[in-house]
Protein backbone atom coordinates (compact mmCIF):
# COMPACT_ATOMS: atom_id res chain seq x y z
CA GLN A 1 -12.43 -19.21 -41.98
CA VAL A 2 -13.66 -17.45 -45.23
CA GLN A 3 -12.21 -18.69 -48.39
CA LEU A 4 -13.15 -17.31 -51.71
CA VAL A 5 -12.71 -18.94 -54.98
CA GLU A 6 -12.51 -17.45 -58.18
CA SER A 7 -13.17 -18.85 -61.67
CA GLY A 8 -14.17 -17.75 -65.11
CA GLY A 9 -11.02 -16.17 -66.29
CA GLY A 10 -9.18 -17.06 -69.53
CA SER A 11 -8.35 -15.82 -72.89
CA VAL A 12 -10.48 -13.62 -75.17
CA GLN A 13 -10.30 -10.93 -78.38
CA PRO A 14 -10.78 -7.24 -77.73
CA GLY A 15 -14.62 -6.75 -77.97
CA GLY A 16 -15.48 -10.26 -76.33
CA SER A 17 -16.90 -11.20 -72.80
CA LEU A 18 -15.93 -13.18 -69.82
CA ARG A 19 -18.02 -13.57 -66.73
CA LEU A 20 -15.61 -14.30 -63.47
CA SER A 21 -17.55 -16.14 -60.43
CA CYS A 22 -16.52 -15.87 -56.73
CA ALA A 23 -17.71 -18.67 -54.63
CA ALA A 24 -17.67 -17.53 -50.79
CA SER A 25 -17.22 -20.06 -47.93
CA GLY A 26 -18.39 -19.20 -43.98
CA SER A 27 -21.12 -17.43 -43.06
CA ASP A 28 -22.33 -13.72 -42.97
CA PHE A 29 -22.40 -13.58 -46.67
CA LEU A 30 -25.32 -11.45 -46.88
CA ILE A 31 -23.98 -8.83 -45.03
CA SER A 32 -20.79 -8.98 -46.76
CA ILE A 33 -19.34 -5.97 -48.90
CA MET A 34 -17.93 -7.66 -52.27
CA ALA A 35 -15.49 -6.24 -54.87
CA TRP A 36 -13.61 -7.14 -57.64
CA TYR A 37 -10.14 -5.69 -58.01
CA ARG A 38 -7.50 -6.29 -60.32
CA GLN A 39 -3.93 -6.19 -61.36
CA ALA A 40 -1.83 -5.74 -64.73
CA PRO A 41 1.70 -6.77 -64.98
CA GLY A 42 4.18 -3.93 -63.55
CA LYS A 43 0.65 -2.18 -62.11
CA GLN A 44 -0.64 -1.26 -58.67
CA ARG A 45 -3.73 -3.27 -57.81
CA GLU A 46 -7.26 -1.19 -58.18
CA LEU A 47 -10.60 -1.77 -57.57
CA VAL A 48 -12.74 -2.62 -60.61
CA ALA A 49 -16.17 -2.93 -58.93
CA VAL A 50 -17.78 -3.09 -55.43
CA ILE A 51 -21.21 -3.93 -54.12
CA THR A 52 -23.02 -3.87 -50.86
CA SER A 53 -25.02 -5.97 -48.77
CA GLY A 54 -28.44 -4.21 -50.19
CA SER A 55 -26.58 -4.42 -53.69
CA ILE A 56 -25.41 -0.76 -54.39
CA THR A 57 -22.88 -0.66 -56.99
CA ARG A 58 -19.73 1.19 -57.78
CA TYR A 59 -17.43 1.08 -60.53
CA ALA A 60 -14.12 2.36 -61.80
CA ASP A 61 -14.14 5.14 -64.36
CA SER A 62 -12.24 2.72 -66.92
CA VAL A 63 -15.09 0.05 -66.69
CA LYS A 64 -18.33 1.91 -66.15
CA GLY A 65 -21.05 0.64 -68.90
CA ARG A 66 -18.91 -2.00 -70.19
CA PHE A 67 -18.82 -3.95 -66.55
CA THR A 68 -21.54 -5.33 -64.23
CA ILE A 69 -20.95 -6.58 -60.65
CA SER A 70 -24.27 -8.72 -58.96
CA ARG A 71 -24.46 -11.18 -56.41
CA ASP A 72 -26.48 -14.09 -55.49
CA ASN A 73 -26.96 -14.32 -51.74
CA ALA A 74 -28.54 -18.12 -52.09
CA LYS A 75 -25.44 -19.37 -53.60
CA ASN A 76 -22.59 -16.95 -51.77
CA THR A 77 -21.57 -16.00 -54.92
CA VAL A 78 -20.67 -12.70 -56.34
CA TYR A 79 -20.20 -12.14 -60.23
CA LEU A 80 -18.38 -9.43 -62.80
CA GLN A 81 -19.83 -9.62 -66.31
CA MET A 82 -17.56 -8.25 -68.35
CA ASN A 83 -18.51 -6.68 -72.07
CA SER A 84 -16.74 -4.84 -74.82
CA LEU A 85 -13.09 -6.01 -73.26
CA ARG A 86 -9.94 -4.44 -73.81
CA PRO A 87 -6.60 -5.34 -74.16
CA ASP A 88 -5.98 -2.65 -71.07
CA ASP A 89 -8.31 -4.90 -69.12
CA THR A 90 -5.49 -7.80 -68.97
CA ALA A 91 -4.66 -8.52 -65.50
CA VAL A 92 -5.35 -11.09 -62.62
CA TYR A 93 -8.71 -10.46 -60.81
CA TYR A 94 -9.18 -10.69 -57.59
CA CYS A 95 -12.31 -10.99 -55.49
CA ASN A 96 -12.35 -9.00 -51.71
CA ARG A 97 -14.71 -9.63 -49.05
CA ASN A 98 -15.12 -7.05 -46.36
CA ILE A 99 -17.42 -7.95 -43.14
CA ARG A 100 -17.19 -5.38 -40.60
CA GLY A 101 -13.62 -4.21 -41.47
CA VAL A 102 -12.20 -7.80 -42.06
CA VAL A 103 -11.07 -8.42 -45.36
CA SER A 104 -10.61 -11.62 -47.30
CA TRP A 105 -8.78 -12.30 -50.91
CA GLY A 106 -8.90 -14.99 -53.41
CA LYS A 107 -6.41 -16.21 -55.21
CA GLY A 108 -7.45 -14.78 -58.74
CA THR A 109 -8.16 -15.46 -61.82
CA ALA A 110 -6.52 -14.04 -64.93
CA VAL A 111 -8.12 -12.28 -67.98
CA THR A 112 -6.06 -11.94 -71.09
CA VAL A 113 -7.30 -9.98 -73.92
CA SER A 114 -5.30 -9.96 -77.10
CA SER A 115 -5.98 -10.36 -81.05
């Protein structure tokens, strides 16, 4: 059974940075497509960034140039480096894993951007 455990959330002032981590248990991390989603209060969950098994990345327009997704296959971990944070980045951030169409979710980590 795959487990995804997010960490690194917290409160930060506008313009600040945070790095989220998602540790995945189970096998086949190497061939997993990993992604970060977020859900702000009262809004639908949205895709933030995705990284393929070959480390090809894609980003939501709202985070391009500010967020960077990366993976460490030796540690079965995916990261989301978030810079120049804005109040509208406030949300619960969820880790997502897709392996051969089977999707798993973490429980989320909260990020609050406020002065």
